[in-house]
Protein backbone atom coordinates (compact mmCIF):
# COMPACT_ATOMS: atom_id res chain seq x y z
CA UNK A 1 13.50 5.09 -14.48
CA UNK A 2 13.68 5.50 -10.68
CA UNK A 3 12.64 8.52 -9.20
CA UNK A 4 13.27 7.99 -5.57
CA UNK A 5 15.59 5.40 -3.46
CA UNK A 6 12.97 5.26 -0.52
CA UNK A 7 9.64 6.55 -0.14
CA UNK A 8 8.16 6.78 3.68
CA UNK A 9 4.58 7.37 4.47
CA UNK A 10 2.91 7.30 7.46
CA UNK A 11 -1.01 6.60 8.01
CA UNK A 12 -2.30 6.85 4.79
CA UNK A 13 -4.72 4.75 4.87
CA UNK A 14 -7.82 6.09 6.34
CA UNK A 15 -9.53 7.14 3.58
CA UNK A 16 -10.87 5.12 0.21
CA UNK A 17 -10.11 7.79 -2.59
CA UNK A 18 -6.73 8.26 -0.97
CA UNK A 19 -5.72 4.96 -0.33
CA UNK A 20 -7.05 3.81 -4.10
CA UNK A 21 -4.43 6.47 -5.35
CA UNK A 22 -1.69 5.28 -3.64
CA UNK A 23 -1.85 1.75 -3.35
CA UNK A 24 -0.40 1.72 -7.40
CA UNK A 25 1.28 4.52 -7.12
CA UNK A 26 3.20 2.69 -4.44
CA UNK A 27 3.42 -0.48 -6.17
CA UNK A 28 4.51 0.77 -9.37
CA UNK A 29 7.56 2.72 -7.60
CA UNK A 30 8.80 -0.88 -5.73
CA UNK A 31 8.38 -2.28 -9.15
CA UNK A 32 11.09 0.14 -9.67
CA UNK A 33 13.15 -0.99 -7.46
CA UNK A 34 12.22 1.96 -4.65
CA UNK A 35 12.20 1.04 -1.11
CA UNK A 36 8.66 1.90 0.16
CA UNK A 37 8.14 1.87 4.23
CA UNK A 38 4.89 2.18 5.08
CA UNK A 39 3.28 3.31 9.06
CA UNK A 40 -0.08 2.30 10.16
CA UNK A 41 -1.60 1.85 13.35
CA UNK A 42 -4.42 -0.70 11.44
CA UNK A 43 -6.62 2.17 9.37
CA UNK A 44 -9.86 0.55 7.31
CA UNK A 45 -8.47 0.72 3.91
CA UNK A 46 -4.59 -1.41 4.62
CA UNK A 47 -3.72 -3.78 2.41
CA UNK A 48 -3.03 -6.29 4.96
CA UNK A 49 -2.30 -9.24 2.58
CA UNK A 50 0.17 -7.80 -0.14
CA UNK A 51 2.65 -6.37 2.82
CA UNK A 52 5.85 -7.20 4.62
CA UNK A 53 5.56 -6.74 8.49
CA UNK A 54 9.10 -4.80 9.56
CA UNK A 55 8.45 -4.15 13.29
CA UNK A 56 5.54 -3.01 15.71
CA UNK A 57 5.21 -0.41 18.31
CA UNK A 58 2.84 0.21 20.78
CA UNK A 59 2.49 4.36 20.81
CA UNK A 60 1.15 6.90 22.52
CA UNK A 61 -2.32 8.68 21.00
CA UNK A 62 -4.71 11.21 22.37
CA UNK A 63 -7.43 10.05 23.54
CA UNK A 64 -9.80 12.29 22.17
CA UNK A 65 -8.61 11.56 18.36
CA UNK A 66 -8.31 7.97 18.99
CA UNK A 67 -10.42 4.51 20.25
CA UNK A 68 -7.35 4.47 22.95
CA UNK A 69 -4.71 5.87 25.23
CA UNK A 70 -1.72 3.41 23.28
CA UNK A 71 -1.93 1.89 19.76
CA UNK A 72 -0.32 -0.64 18.40
CA UNK A 73 1.02 0.36 15.00
CA UNK A 74 3.36 -1.62 12.33
CA UNK A 75 5.79 -0.57 10.07
CA UNK A 76 5.51 -1.95 6.35
CA UNK A 77 7.69 -3.12 3.61
CA UNK A 78 5.57 -3.05 -0.01
CA UNK A 79 7.40 -5.95 -2.11
CA UNK A 80 9.54 -5.32 -4.88
């Protein structure tokens, strides 16, 4: 049974326990036919090898919170 057609998530791979919960759930949703789209600026626990890049953006960020004034972020899709 498919609950959602599209699932959007942003910047959710900054913490290992959260990533460990989300990865199998996103994969399960995608295997059931949901479009799972994730925006990620290169966080430590992002699963680089298993997703398909859709677009790349340069985003202005607060220097106090990030290591630069502009952060490159990518929008990814979980394969179905």
